């Protein structure tokens, strides 16, 4: 099983990228969103990959994070959702958008992906709703794929005298994962905690962990 590709971009096609790994070229299929985020030809790149094996074909699919790769794997487990449909959903919503849509039962957002009909969208939400909390939680533990240091240009390395970079703020997915963890630690069921965090994140996408927790707690508070 090929789980990660790290090398240099040879070229990008409409639905794939060719990555040169020390003289061996790997054709990796990606969503529109991922393709648009990749660097130019000759630059270093790394992607987590999922290998599809059939009698007549072997195909690699690439993802910048393990969360996106896991959503691809789960989407593919739904009847009627193949690799092309999975990439369409991830391309339209991104992994965080998929997490929110499924946690909230928002099949209309899933239906907005190219080639996805209402019945398939409803099936995706119904079959994966119980798995959304665990995948959302992965965002706090997973890091983006990093390129092989040997493939990077030496002059891109930071200077020894450079000031240390400030600690990064949690990304949207990581903030949601931390908020989900906090709420489950407070005793809320994973499903209801995931729905509250997803709704709070949808209202304010750039919210940090503390803001998401406060907003989710308001949503979870008993209604008069």
N, C-alpha and C. Protein backbone atom coordinates (compact mmCIF):
# COMPACT_ATOMS: atom_id res chain seq x y z
N UNK A 1 0.85 -1.20 0.00
CA UNK A 1 0.00 0.00 0.00
C UNK A 1 0.88 1.25 0.00
N UNK A 2 0.60 2.17 -0.91
CA UNK A 2 1.32 3.43 -0.96
C UNK A 2 0.51 4.45 -0.17
N UNK A 3 1.03 4.89 0.97
CA UNK A 3 0.28 5.79 1.86
C UNK A 3 0.66 7.24 1.76
N UNK A 4 1.82 7.54 1.12
CA UNK A 4 2.25 8.93 1.02
C UNK A 4 3.23 9.05 -0.14
N UNK A 5 3.12 10.16 -0.86
CA UNK A 5 4.03 10.48 -1.96
C UNK A 5 4.72 11.79 -1.63
N UNK A 6 6.03 11.82 -1.76
CA UNK A 6 6.80 13.03 -1.50
C UNK A 6 7.85 13.19 -2.59
N UNK A 7 7.77 14.27 -3.34
CA UNK A 7 8.72 14.50 -4.43
C UNK A 7 8.55 15.87 -5.04
N UNK A 8 8.66 15.94 -6.37
CA UNK A 8 8.53 17.23 -7.07
C UNK A 8 7.44 17.13 -8.13
N UNK A 9 6.72 18.23 -8.29
CA UNK A 9 5.66 18.27 -9.30
C UNK A 9 6.28 18.26 -10.69
N UNK A 10 5.85 17.29 -11.51
CA UNK A 10 6.29 17.24 -12.90
C UNK A 10 5.33 18.05 -13.77
N UNK A 11 4.03 17.77 -13.62
CA UNK A 11 3.02 18.58 -14.30
C UNK A 11 1.67 18.31 -13.64
N UNK A 12 0.73 19.21 -13.92
CA UNK A 12 -0.64 19.05 -13.42
C UNK A 12 -1.60 18.92 -14.59
N UNK A 13 -2.48 17.93 -14.53
CA UNK A 13 -3.52 17.77 -15.53
C UNK A 13 -4.83 18.30 -14.98
N UNK A 14 -5.92 18.00 -15.68
CA UNK A 14 -7.23 18.49 -15.25
C UNK A 14 -7.70 17.82 -13.95
N UNK A 15 -7.35 16.57 -13.76
CA UNK A 15 -7.81 15.87 -12.56
C UNK A 15 -6.69 15.11 -11.84
N UNK A 16 -5.45 15.37 -12.22
CA UNK A 16 -4.35 14.62 -11.62
C UNK A 16 -3.06 15.44 -11.64
N UNK A 17 -2.09 14.94 -10.90
CA UNK A 17 -0.76 15.54 -10.89
C UNK A 17 0.27 14.42 -11.03
N UNK A 18 1.34 14.68 -11.75
CA UNK A 18 2.43 13.71 -11.85
C UNK A 18 3.54 14.16 -10.91
N UNK A 19 3.90 13.30 -9.97
CA UNK A 19 4.92 13.62 -8.98
C UNK A 19 6.14 12.75 -9.22
N UNK A 20 7.28 13.40 -9.39
CA UNK A 20 8.55 12.70 -9.62
C UNK A 20 9.20 12.42 -8.27
N UNK A 21 9.32 11.14 -7.95
CA UNK A 21 9.97 10.72 -6.70
C UNK A 21 11.27 10.03 -7.06
N UNK A 22 12.36 10.81 -7.07
CA UNK A 22 13.69 10.28 -7.40
C UNK A 22 13.69 9.48 -8.70
N UNK A 23 13.10 10.07 -9.73
CA UNK A 23 13.13 9.47 -11.05
C UNK A 23 11.96 8.59 -11.40
N UNK A 24 11.10 8.30 -10.43
CA UNK A 24 9.89 7.50 -10.69
C UNK A 24 8.68 8.43 -10.64
N UNK A 25 7.87 8.42 -11.70
CA UNK A 25 6.72 9.31 -11.75
C UNK A 25 5.45 8.61 -11.27
N UNK A 26 4.74 9.25 -10.34
CA UNK A 26 3.49 8.71 -9.82
C UNK A 26 2.34 9.62 -10.25
N UNK A 27 1.34 9.03 -10.87
CA UNK A 27 0.15 9.77 -11.29
C UNK A 27 -0.84 9.72 -10.13
N UNK A 28 -1.18 10.90 -9.60
CA UNK A 28 -2.04 10.98 -8.42
C UNK A 28 -3.27 11.82 -8.76
N UNK A 29 -4.45 11.24 -8.58
CA UNK A 29 -5.70 11.95 -8.84
C UNK A 29 -6.12 12.74 -7.61
N UNK A 30 -6.57 13.97 -7.83
CA UNK A 30 -6.91 14.87 -6.72
C UNK A 30 -8.20 15.63 -7.05
N UNK A 31 -8.81 16.19 -6.02
CA UNK A 31 -9.98 17.04 -6.23
C UNK A 31 -9.53 18.38 -6.83
N UNK A 32 -10.49 19.12 -7.38
CA UNK A 32 -10.18 20.44 -7.94
C UNK A 32 -9.55 21.34 -6.88
N UNK A 33 -10.07 21.26 -5.67
CA UNK A 33 -9.57 22.11 -4.58
C UNK A 33 -8.10 21.80 -4.27
N UNK A 34 -7.77 20.52 -4.22
CA UNK A 34 -6.39 20.14 -3.92
C UNK A 34 -5.46 20.52 -5.07
N UNK A 35 -5.88 20.25 -6.30
CA UNK A 35 -5.05 20.60 -7.45
C UNK A 35 -4.73 22.09 -7.47
N UNK A 36 -5.71 22.93 -7.15
CA UNK A 36 -5.50 24.37 -7.17
C UNK A 36 -4.51 24.82 -6.09
N UNK A 37 -4.36 24.01 -5.03
CA UNK A 37 -3.48 24.39 -3.93
C UNK A 37 -2.04 23.90 -4.11
N UNK A 38 -1.80 23.06 -5.12
CA UNK A 38 -0.47 22.48 -5.29
C UNK A 38 0.51 23.51 -5.87
N UNK A 39 1.80 23.37 -5.57
CA UNK A 39 2.81 24.28 -6.12
C UNK A 39 3.04 24.04 -7.60
N UNK A 40 3.86 24.88 -8.20
CA UNK A 40 4.13 24.77 -9.62
C UNK A 40 5.11 23.67 -9.98
N UNK A 41 5.32 23.47 -11.26
CA UNK A 41 6.24 22.44 -11.75
C UNK A 41 7.64 22.65 -11.19
N UNK A 42 8.25 21.55 -10.77
CA UNK A 42 9.60 21.60 -10.22
C UNK A 42 9.67 21.83 -8.73
N UNK A 43 8.54 22.16 -8.11
CA UNK A 43 8.56 22.44 -6.67
C UNK A 43 8.21 21.19 -5.87
N UNK A 44 8.66 21.19 -4.62
CA UNK A 44 8.45 20.04 -3.74
C UNK A 44 7.00 19.96 -3.30
N UNK A 45 6.51 18.73 -3.18
CA UNK A 45 5.13 18.51 -2.77
C UNK A 45 5.04 17.18 -2.04
N UNK A 46 4.05 17.06 -1.17
CA UNK A 46 3.80 15.78 -0.48
C UNK A 46 2.30 15.62 -0.32
N UNK A 47 1.82 14.41 -0.55
CA UNK A 47 0.40 14.11 -0.41
C UNK A 47 0.23 12.75 0.25
N UNK A 48 -0.73 12.65 1.16
CA UNK A 48 -1.15 11.34 1.62
C UNK A 48 -1.94 10.70 0.48
N UNK A 49 -1.84 9.40 0.34
CA UNK A 49 -2.48 8.75 -0.80
C UNK A 49 -3.32 7.55 -0.38
N UNK A 50 -4.29 7.26 -1.23
CA UNK A 50 -5.13 6.07 -1.08
C UNK A 50 -5.08 5.33 -2.40
N UNK A 51 -4.79 4.05 -2.36
CA UNK A 51 -4.62 3.26 -3.57
C UNK A 51 -5.89 2.46 -3.85
N UNK A 52 -6.48 2.70 -5.01
CA UNK A 52 -7.65 1.95 -5.45
C UNK A 52 -7.19 0.82 -6.35
N UNK A 53 -7.54 -0.41 -5.98
CA UNK A 53 -7.10 -1.60 -6.72
C UNK A 53 -8.32 -2.28 -7.33
N UNK A 54 -8.30 -2.41 -8.64
CA UNK A 54 -9.33 -3.16 -9.35
C UNK A 54 -8.65 -4.13 -10.29
N UNK A 55 -9.45 -5.00 -10.90
CA UNK A 55 -8.87 -6.01 -11.77
C UNK A 55 -8.11 -5.39 -12.94
N UNK A 56 -8.64 -4.25 -13.44
CA UNK A 56 -8.06 -3.68 -14.65
C UNK A 56 -7.34 -2.35 -14.43
N UNK A 57 -7.23 -1.92 -13.17
CA UNK A 57 -6.66 -0.59 -12.96
C UNK A 57 -6.11 -0.44 -11.54
N UNK A 58 -5.06 0.36 -11.42
CA UNK A 58 -4.53 0.81 -10.12
C UNK A 58 -4.52 2.34 -10.17
N UNK A 59 -5.16 2.98 -9.20
CA UNK A 59 -5.20 4.44 -9.18
C UNK A 59 -4.83 4.96 -7.80
N UNK A 60 -4.01 6.02 -7.79
CA UNK A 60 -3.65 6.70 -6.55
C UNK A 60 -4.46 7.99 -6.44
N UNK A 61 -4.99 8.24 -5.24
CA UNK A 61 -5.70 9.48 -4.97
C UNK A 61 -4.97 10.22 -3.86
N UNK A 62 -4.80 11.53 -4.04
CA UNK A 62 -3.96 12.29 -3.12
C UNK A 62 -4.71 13.32 -2.30
N UNK A 63 -4.23 13.51 -1.05
CA UNK A 63 -4.88 14.40 -0.10
C UNK A 63 -3.82 15.10 0.76
N UNK A 64 -4.00 16.39 1.04
CA UNK A 64 -2.99 17.10 1.83
C UNK A 64 -2.99 16.75 3.30
N UNK A 65 -4.10 16.22 3.83
CA UNK A 65 -4.18 15.87 5.25
C UNK A 65 -4.77 14.48 5.42
N UNK A 66 -4.51 13.90 6.58
CA UNK A 66 -5.06 12.58 6.88
C UNK A 66 -6.57 12.65 7.09
N UNK A 67 -7.07 13.81 7.56
CA UNK A 67 -8.51 13.96 7.73
C UNK A 67 -9.22 13.86 6.39
N UNK A 68 -8.67 14.53 5.36
CA UNK A 68 -9.29 14.47 4.05
C UNK A 68 -9.20 13.05 3.47
N UNK A 69 -8.09 12.39 3.71
CA UNK A 69 -7.95 11.01 3.24
C UNK A 69 -8.97 10.10 3.92
N UNK A 70 -9.21 10.31 5.20
CA UNK A 70 -10.17 9.49 5.93
C UNK A 70 -11.59 9.74 5.43
N UNK A 71 -11.92 11.00 5.14
CA UNK A 71 -13.24 11.27 4.59
C UNK A 71 -13.41 10.60 3.23
N UNK A 72 -12.36 10.61 2.43
CA UNK A 72 -12.43 9.92 1.13
C UNK A 72 -12.72 8.44 1.33
N UNK A 73 -12.03 7.84 2.27
CA UNK A 73 -12.23 6.41 2.54
C UNK A 73 -13.66 6.14 2.99
N UNK A 74 -14.20 6.98 3.86
CA UNK A 74 -15.55 6.79 4.35
C UNK A 74 -16.60 7.08 3.28
N UNK A 75 -16.39 8.14 2.50
CA UNK A 75 -17.33 8.45 1.43
C UNK A 75 -17.42 7.30 0.43
N UNK A 76 -16.26 6.70 0.15
CA UNK A 76 -16.23 5.57 -0.79
C UNK A 76 -16.98 4.34 -0.25
N UNK A 77 -17.19 4.29 1.06
CA UNK A 77 -17.89 3.15 1.65
C UNK A 77 -19.41 3.25 1.47
N UNK A 78 -19.89 4.41 1.06
CA UNK A 78 -21.33 4.62 0.87
C UNK A 78 -21.75 4.11 -0.51
N UNK A 79 -22.82 3.36 -0.54
CA UNK A 79 -23.30 2.82 -1.81
C UNK A 79 -23.60 3.95 -2.80
N UNK A 80 -23.08 3.79 -4.00
CA UNK A 80 -23.30 4.79 -5.03
C UNK A 80 -22.27 5.90 -5.08
N UNK A 81 -21.32 5.89 -4.15
CA UNK A 81 -20.27 6.90 -4.13
C UNK A 81 -18.94 6.24 -4.50
N UNK A 82 -18.47 6.54 -5.70
CA UNK A 82 -17.17 6.05 -6.13
C UNK A 82 -16.10 7.11 -5.90
N UNK A 83 -14.91 6.84 -6.42
CA UNK A 83 -13.80 7.77 -6.22
C UNK A 83 -14.09 9.14 -6.82
N UNK A 84 -14.68 9.16 -8.01
CA UNK A 84 -14.98 10.44 -8.67
C UNK A 84 -15.97 11.26 -7.86
N UNK A 85 -17.01 10.61 -7.35
CA UNK A 85 -18.01 11.31 -6.54
C UNK A 85 -17.42 11.80 -5.23
N UNK A 86 -16.57 10.97 -4.62
CA UNK A 86 -15.93 11.37 -3.37
C UNK A 86 -15.07 12.62 -3.57
N UNK A 87 -14.29 12.64 -4.64
CA UNK A 87 -13.45 13.81 -4.91
C UNK A 87 -14.31 15.03 -5.22
N UNK A 88 -15.46 14.82 -5.85
CA UNK A 88 -16.35 15.94 -6.15
C UNK A 88 -16.89 16.55 -4.86
N UNK A 89 -17.26 15.70 -3.91
CA UNK A 89 -17.77 16.20 -2.63
C UNK A 89 -16.68 16.93 -1.85
N UNK A 90 -15.50 16.33 -1.78
CA UNK A 90 -14.39 16.96 -1.08
C UNK A 90 -13.94 18.22 -1.79
N UNK A 91 -14.00 18.23 -3.11
CA UNK A 91 -13.61 19.41 -3.85
C UNK A 91 -14.57 20.57 -3.63
N UNK A 92 -15.86 20.25 -3.50
CA UNK A 92 -16.86 21.29 -3.31
C UNK A 92 -16.88 21.83 -1.88
N UNK A 93 -16.70 20.95 -0.90
CA UNK A 93 -16.87 21.34 0.50
C UNK A 93 -15.58 21.42 1.30
N UNK A 94 -14.55 20.68 0.88
CA UNK A 94 -13.36 20.57 1.71
C UNK A 94 -13.65 19.65 2.88
N UNK A 95 -12.62 19.14 3.55
CA UNK A 95 -12.85 18.20 4.65
C UNK A 95 -13.63 18.80 5.81
N UNK A 96 -13.38 20.07 6.13
CA UNK A 96 -14.11 20.70 7.23
C UNK A 96 -15.57 20.89 6.85
N UNK A 97 -15.83 21.25 5.60
CA UNK A 97 -17.20 21.40 5.14
C UNK A 97 -17.95 20.09 5.14
N UNK A 98 -17.27 19.01 4.76
CA UNK A 98 -17.89 17.69 4.80
C UNK A 98 -18.22 17.32 6.24
N UNK A 99 -17.29 17.58 7.16
CA UNK A 99 -17.54 17.29 8.57
C UNK A 99 -18.77 18.03 9.07
N UNK A 100 -18.86 19.31 8.76
CA UNK A 100 -19.99 20.11 9.23
C UNK A 100 -21.30 19.62 8.61
N UNK A 101 -21.29 19.38 7.30
CA UNK A 101 -22.51 18.98 6.62
C UNK A 101 -23.05 17.67 7.18
N UNK A 102 -22.17 16.72 7.40
CA UNK A 102 -22.62 15.41 7.89
C UNK A 102 -23.02 15.49 9.36
N UNK A 103 -22.28 16.24 10.16
CA UNK A 103 -22.64 16.39 11.57
C UNK A 103 -24.00 17.06 11.73
N UNK A 104 -24.31 18.02 10.84
CA UNK A 104 -25.58 18.75 10.91
C UNK A 104 -26.70 18.07 10.14
N UNK A 105 -26.40 17.00 9.42
CA UNK A 105 -27.42 16.36 8.60
C UNK A 105 -27.80 17.19 7.39
N UNK A 106 -26.88 18.04 6.94
CA UNK A 106 -27.15 18.98 5.85
C UNK A 106 -26.85 18.34 4.50
N UNK A 107 -27.80 17.52 4.03
CA UNK A 107 -27.54 16.82 2.77
C UNK A 107 -27.61 17.74 1.57
N UNK A 108 -28.25 18.92 1.72
CA UNK A 108 -28.28 19.87 0.60
C UNK A 108 -26.89 20.37 0.25
N UNK A 109 -26.03 20.54 1.25
CA UNK A 109 -24.65 20.96 0.98
C UNK A 109 -23.91 19.87 0.22
N UNK A 110 -24.14 18.61 0.59
CA UNK A 110 -23.50 17.50 -0.11
C UNK A 110 -24.02 17.43 -1.54
N UNK A 111 -25.30 17.69 -1.72
CA UNK A 111 -25.91 17.63 -3.05
C UNK A 111 -25.35 18.70 -3.98
N UNK A 112 -24.77 19.75 -3.42
CA UNK A 112 -24.21 20.82 -4.25
C UNK A 112 -22.98 20.37 -5.03
N UNK A 113 -22.37 19.25 -4.64
CA UNK A 113 -21.21 18.73 -5.36
C UNK A 113 -21.63 18.23 -6.73
N UNK A 114 -20.77 18.41 -7.71
CA UNK A 114 -21.08 18.02 -9.08
C UNK A 114 -21.34 16.52 -9.19
N UNK A 115 -22.49 16.18 -9.79
CA UNK A 115 -22.82 14.78 -10.04
C UNK A 115 -23.47 14.06 -8.88
N UNK A 116 -23.74 14.77 -7.77
CA UNK A 116 -24.33 14.14 -6.60
C UNK A 116 -25.82 14.48 -6.53
N UNK A 117 -26.67 13.46 -6.62
CA UNK A 117 -28.10 13.66 -6.55
C UNK A 117 -28.61 13.66 -5.12
N UNK A 118 -29.88 14.04 -4.93
CA UNK A 118 -30.43 14.12 -3.57
C UNK A 118 -30.44 12.78 -2.83
N UNK A 119 -30.74 11.70 -3.51
CA UNK A 119 -30.78 10.40 -2.83
C UNK A 119 -29.39 9.99 -2.34
N UNK A 120 -28.39 10.22 -3.19
CA UNK A 120 -27.02 9.89 -2.78
C UNK A 120 -26.57 10.78 -1.63
N UNK A 121 -26.91 12.08 -1.71
CA UNK A 121 -26.52 13.01 -0.64
C UNK A 121 -27.15 12.60 0.69
N UNK A 122 -28.43 12.23 0.66
CA UNK A 122 -29.09 11.79 1.89
C UNK A 122 -28.47 10.51 2.42
N UNK A 123 -28.10 9.61 1.52
CA UNK A 123 -27.47 8.36 1.95
C UNK A 123 -26.12 8.63 2.61
N UNK A 124 -25.36 9.57 2.05
CA UNK A 124 -24.06 9.93 2.64
C UNK A 124 -24.25 10.43 4.07
N UNK A 125 -25.19 11.33 4.27
CA UNK A 125 -25.42 11.90 5.60
C UNK A 125 -25.92 10.83 6.57
N UNK A 126 -26.86 10.03 6.13
CA UNK A 126 -27.44 9.02 7.03
C UNK A 126 -26.44 7.94 7.42
N UNK A 127 -25.61 7.52 6.47
CA UNK A 127 -24.68 6.43 6.76
C UNK A 127 -23.43 6.87 7.53
N UNK A 128 -23.08 8.15 7.40
CA UNK A 128 -21.81 8.61 8.00
C UNK A 128 -22.00 9.52 9.21
N UNK A 129 -23.24 9.82 9.58
CA UNK A 129 -23.46 10.80 10.65
C UNK A 129 -22.82 10.36 11.97
N UNK A 130 -22.80 9.07 12.25
CA UNK A 130 -22.20 8.59 13.51
C UNK A 130 -20.68 8.60 13.47
N UNK A 131 -20.11 8.75 12.26
CA UNK A 131 -18.65 8.72 12.14
C UNK A 131 -18.05 10.13 12.11
N UNK A 132 -18.89 11.15 11.96
CA UNK A 132 -18.39 12.52 11.87
C UNK A 132 -17.57 12.94 13.10
N UNK A 133 -18.01 12.64 14.34
CA UNK A 133 -17.22 13.09 15.49
C UNK A 133 -15.79 12.56 15.50
N UNK A 134 -15.61 11.28 15.16
CA UNK A 134 -14.26 10.70 15.21
C UNK A 134 -13.36 11.31 14.15
N UNK A 135 -13.91 11.62 12.97
CA UNK A 135 -13.08 12.22 11.92
C UNK A 135 -12.78 13.68 12.26
N UNK A 136 -13.75 14.40 12.81
CA UNK A 136 -13.51 15.78 13.24
C UNK A 136 -12.39 15.82 14.28
N UNK A 137 -12.38 14.83 15.18
CA UNK A 137 -11.36 14.80 16.22
C UNK A 137 -9.97 14.57 15.65
N UNK A 138 -9.88 13.92 14.50
CA UNK A 138 -8.58 13.67 13.88
C UNK A 138 -7.87 14.97 13.51
N UNK A 139 -8.63 16.03 13.25
CA UNK A 139 -8.04 17.29 12.81
C UNK A 139 -7.11 17.87 13.86
N UNK A 140 -7.33 17.55 15.12
CA UNK A 140 -6.45 18.06 16.16
C UNK A 140 -5.17 17.28 16.30
N UNK A 141 -5.13 16.10 15.68
CA UNK A 141 -3.93 15.25 15.82
C UNK A 141 -3.12 15.16 14.54
N UNK A 142 -3.79 15.31 13.40
CA UNK A 142 -3.09 15.14 12.13
C UNK A 142 -2.44 16.41 11.65
N UNK A 143 -1.34 16.29 10.95
CA UNK A 143 -0.65 17.43 10.36
C UNK A 143 -0.63 17.27 8.85
N UNK A 144 -0.54 18.38 8.12
CA UNK A 144 -0.45 18.27 6.66
C UNK A 144 0.76 17.45 6.26
N UNK A 145 0.66 16.78 5.14
CA UNK A 145 1.79 16.01 4.62
C UNK A 145 2.94 16.97 4.31
N UNK A 146 4.16 16.59 4.67
CA UNK A 146 5.33 17.43 4.41
C UNK A 146 6.23 16.73 3.41
N UNK A 147 6.84 17.54 2.57
CA UNK A 147 7.70 16.98 1.53
C UNK A 147 8.99 16.42 2.12
N UNK A 148 9.55 15.46 1.43
CA UNK A 148 10.84 14.87 1.81
C UNK A 148 11.89 15.97 1.86
N UNK A 149 12.59 16.14 2.99
CA UNK A 149 13.60 17.19 3.07
C UNK A 149 14.63 17.11 1.95
N UNK A 150 14.94 15.90 1.49
CA UNK A 150 15.92 15.76 0.42
C UNK A 150 15.43 16.36 -0.90
N UNK A 151 14.11 16.55 -1.01
CA UNK A 151 13.56 17.08 -2.26
C UNK A 151 13.44 18.59 -2.22
N UNK A 152 13.68 19.20 -1.08
CA UNK A 152 13.54 20.64 -0.95
C UNK A 152 14.81 21.36 -1.39
N UNK A 153 14.65 22.55 -1.89
CA UNK A 153 15.79 23.36 -2.28
C UNK A 153 16.50 23.85 -1.02
N UNK A 154 17.82 23.77 -0.98
CA UNK A 154 18.55 24.09 0.23
C UNK A 154 18.35 25.53 0.68
N UNK A 155 18.24 26.45 -0.28
CA UNK A 155 18.16 27.84 0.13
C UNK A 155 16.79 28.20 0.70
N UNK A 156 15.85 27.23 0.76
CA UNK A 156 14.58 27.47 1.40
C UNK A 156 14.65 27.21 2.90
N UNK A 157 15.78 26.62 3.35
CA UNK A 157 15.92 26.32 4.77
C UNK A 157 16.07 27.63 5.54
N UNK A 158 15.47 27.75 6.75
CA UNK A 158 15.56 28.98 7.51
C UNK A 158 16.99 29.26 7.98
N UNK A 159 17.36 30.50 8.04
CA UNK A 159 18.68 30.90 8.50
C UNK A 159 18.83 30.58 9.97
N UNK A 160 20.05 30.21 10.36
CA UNK A 160 20.31 29.90 11.76
C UNK A 160 20.11 31.11 12.65
N UNK A 161 20.21 32.31 12.07
CA UNK A 161 20.08 33.52 12.87
C UNK A 161 18.65 34.08 12.82
N UNK A 162 17.80 33.43 12.08
CA UNK A 162 16.44 33.95 11.95
C UNK A 162 15.71 33.85 13.28
N UNK A 163 14.82 34.80 13.52
CA UNK A 163 14.05 34.79 14.75
C UNK A 163 13.08 33.61 14.72
N UNK A 164 12.88 32.96 15.85
CA UNK A 164 11.96 31.81 15.86
C UNK A 164 10.54 32.26 15.53
N UNK A 165 9.88 31.40 14.79
CA UNK A 165 8.51 31.73 14.40
C UNK A 165 7.58 31.57 15.60
N UNK A 166 6.55 32.40 15.68
CA UNK A 166 5.60 32.26 16.79
C UNK A 166 4.83 30.96 16.64
N UNK A 167 4.36 30.41 17.76
CA UNK A 167 3.61 29.16 17.67
C UNK A 167 2.35 29.36 16.84
N UNK A 168 2.05 28.39 15.95
CA UNK A 168 0.89 28.56 15.08
C UNK A 168 -0.42 28.46 15.86
N UNK A 169 -1.39 29.25 15.42
CA UNK A 169 -2.73 29.12 15.99
C UNK A 169 -3.40 27.90 15.38
N UNK A 170 -4.28 27.28 16.14
CA UNK A 170 -4.97 26.12 15.57
C UNK A 170 -5.72 26.49 14.30
N UNK A 171 -5.64 25.64 13.29
CA UNK A 171 -6.41 25.86 12.08
C UNK A 171 -7.88 25.63 12.39
N UNK A 172 -8.75 25.94 11.39
CA UNK A 172 -10.17 25.74 11.61
C UNK A 172 -10.49 24.32 12.03
N UNK A 173 -9.91 23.34 11.32
CA UNK A 173 -10.18 21.96 11.66
C UNK A 173 -9.64 21.58 13.02
N UNK A 174 -8.46 22.06 13.37
CA UNK A 174 -7.88 21.74 14.66
C UNK A 174 -8.68 22.38 15.79
N UNK A 175 -9.15 23.61 15.57
CA UNK A 175 -9.95 24.29 16.59
C UNK A 175 -11.25 23.53 16.82
N UNK A 176 -11.86 23.05 15.74
CA UNK A 176 -13.09 22.28 15.88
C UNK A 176 -12.83 20.97 16.62
N UNK A 177 -11.70 20.34 16.32
CA UNK A 177 -11.36 19.08 17.00
C UNK A 177 -11.14 19.31 18.49
N UNK A 178 -10.45 20.41 18.84
CA UNK A 178 -10.20 20.71 20.25
C UNK A 178 -11.50 21.03 20.97
N UNK A 179 -12.39 21.77 20.30
CA UNK A 179 -13.68 22.09 20.91
C UNK A 179 -14.50 20.82 21.10
N UNK A 180 -14.49 19.94 20.12
CA UNK A 180 -15.22 18.67 20.22
C UNK A 180 -14.69 17.85 21.39
N UNK A 181 -13.38 17.79 21.52
CA UNK A 181 -12.77 17.04 22.62
C UNK A 181 -13.18 17.62 23.97
N UNK A 182 -13.18 18.95 24.07
CA UNK A 182 -13.55 19.60 25.32
C UNK A 182 -14.99 19.29 25.69
N UNK A 183 -15.88 19.34 24.72
CA UNK A 183 -17.29 19.09 25.00
C UNK A 183 -17.56 17.64 25.40
N UNK A 184 -16.88 16.71 24.74
CA UNK A 184 -17.07 15.30 25.11
C UNK A 184 -16.49 15.04 26.50
N UNK A 185 -15.41 15.75 26.84
CA UNK A 185 -14.86 15.61 28.19
C UNK A 185 -15.80 16.16 29.25
N UNK A 186 -16.67 17.10 28.83
CA UNK A 186 -17.67 17.65 29.74
C UNK A 186 -18.88 16.74 29.87
N UNK A 187 -18.91 15.67 29.11
CA UNK A 187 -19.98 14.69 29.24
C UNK A 187 -21.02 14.70 28.14
N UNK A 188 -20.86 15.57 27.14
CA UNK A 188 -21.81 15.58 26.03
C UNK A 188 -21.54 14.39 25.11
N UNK A 189 -22.60 13.85 24.54
CA UNK A 189 -22.47 12.74 23.60
C UNK A 189 -21.73 13.22 22.36
N UNK A 190 -20.87 12.37 21.77
CA UNK A 190 -20.10 12.80 20.59
C UNK A 190 -20.97 13.35 19.47
N UNK A 191 -22.11 12.72 19.23
CA UNK A 191 -22.97 13.17 18.13
C UNK A 191 -23.51 14.57 18.35
N UNK A 192 -24.06 14.84 19.55
CA UNK A 192 -24.63 16.16 19.80
C UNK A 192 -23.52 17.21 19.92
N UNK A 193 -22.36 16.83 20.45
CA UNK A 193 -21.24 17.76 20.52
C UNK A 193 -20.76 18.12 19.12
N UNK A 194 -20.69 17.13 18.24
CA UNK A 194 -20.23 17.39 16.87
C UNK A 194 -21.20 18.32 16.14
N UNK A 195 -22.50 18.11 16.34
CA UNK A 195 -23.48 18.98 15.68
C UNK A 195 -23.36 20.42 16.17
N UNK A 196 -23.17 20.60 17.47
CA UNK A 196 -23.06 21.94 18.03
C UNK A 196 -21.79 22.63 17.53
N UNK A 197 -20.67 21.91 17.51
CA UNK A 197 -19.42 22.49 17.03
C UNK A 197 -19.52 22.82 15.55
N UNK A 198 -20.13 21.95 14.78
CA UNK A 198 -20.29 22.20 13.36
C UNK A 198 -21.15 23.43 13.11
N UNK A 199 -22.23 23.57 13.87
CA UNK A 199 -23.10 24.74 13.70
C UNK A 199 -22.36 26.02 14.11
N UNK A 200 -21.61 25.95 15.20
CA UNK A 200 -20.85 27.12 15.65
C UNK A 200 -19.78 27.51 14.64
N UNK A 201 -19.10 26.50 14.08
CA UNK A 201 -18.06 26.77 13.09
C UNK A 201 -18.66 27.34 11.80
N UNK A 202 -19.85 26.88 11.45
CA UNK A 202 -20.49 27.41 10.25
C UNK A 202 -20.86 28.87 10.39
N UNK A 203 -21.18 29.29 11.63
CA UNK A 203 -21.55 30.68 11.86
C UNK A 203 -20.32 31.59 11.88
N UNK A 204 -19.17 31.04 12.28
CA UNK A 204 -17.94 31.85 12.35
C UNK A 204 -16.75 30.96 12.02
N UNK A 205 -16.40 30.89 10.74
CA UNK A 205 -15.41 29.92 10.27
C UNK A 205 -14.03 30.14 10.87
N UNK A 206 -13.68 31.40 11.17
CA UNK A 206 -12.33 31.69 11.68
C UNK A 206 -12.26 31.64 13.20
N UNK A 207 -13.30 31.14 13.84
CA UNK A 207 -13.34 31.13 15.30
C UNK A 207 -12.25 30.24 15.88
N UNK A 208 -11.68 30.68 17.02
CA UNK A 208 -10.68 29.86 17.69
C UNK A 208 -11.38 28.86 18.61
N UNK A 209 -10.58 28.04 19.30
CA UNK A 209 -11.16 26.97 20.11
C UNK A 209 -12.09 27.49 21.19
N UNK A 210 -11.63 28.50 21.93
CA UNK A 210 -12.43 29.02 23.04
C UNK A 210 -13.77 29.58 22.55
N UNK A 211 -13.73 30.29 21.42
CA UNK A 211 -14.96 30.86 20.86
C UNK A 211 -15.92 29.75 20.45
N UNK A 212 -15.39 28.71 19.82
CA UNK A 212 -16.24 27.58 19.41
C UNK A 212 -16.86 26.88 20.61
N UNK A 213 -16.09 26.72 21.66
CA UNK A 213 -16.63 26.05 22.85
C UNK A 213 -17.77 26.85 23.44
N UNK A 214 -17.58 28.17 23.58
CA UNK A 214 -18.63 29.02 24.15
C UNK A 214 -19.89 28.98 23.29
N UNK A 215 -19.70 29.09 21.97
CA UNK A 215 -20.85 29.08 21.07
C UNK A 215 -21.57 27.73 21.10
N UNK A 216 -20.79 26.65 21.12
CA UNK A 216 -21.39 25.31 21.15
C UNK A 216 -22.15 25.08 22.47
N UNK A 217 -21.60 25.57 23.57
CA UNK A 217 -22.29 25.41 24.86
C UNK A 217 -23.61 26.15 24.87
N UNK A 218 -23.65 27.32 24.22
CA UNK A 218 -24.92 28.05 24.13
C UNK A 218 -25.94 27.25 23.33
N UNK A 219 -25.47 26.61 22.28
CA UNK A 219 -26.37 25.81 21.45
C UNK A 219 -26.85 24.56 22.19
N UNK A 220 -26.01 24.03 23.08
CA UNK A 220 -26.35 22.82 23.80
C UNK A 220 -27.15 23.09 25.07
N UNK A 221 -27.22 24.36 25.47
CA UNK A 221 -27.95 24.70 26.70
C UNK A 221 -29.42 24.36 26.55
N UNK A 222 -30.04 23.88 27.62
CA UNK A 222 -31.48 23.55 27.56
C UNK A 222 -32.29 24.78 27.16
N UNK A 223 -33.23 24.56 26.27
CA UNK A 223 -34.10 25.66 25.81
C UNK A 223 -35.30 25.78 26.74
N UNK A 224 -35.69 27.01 27.04
CA UNK A 224 -36.85 27.25 27.90
C UNK A 224 -38.15 26.86 27.18
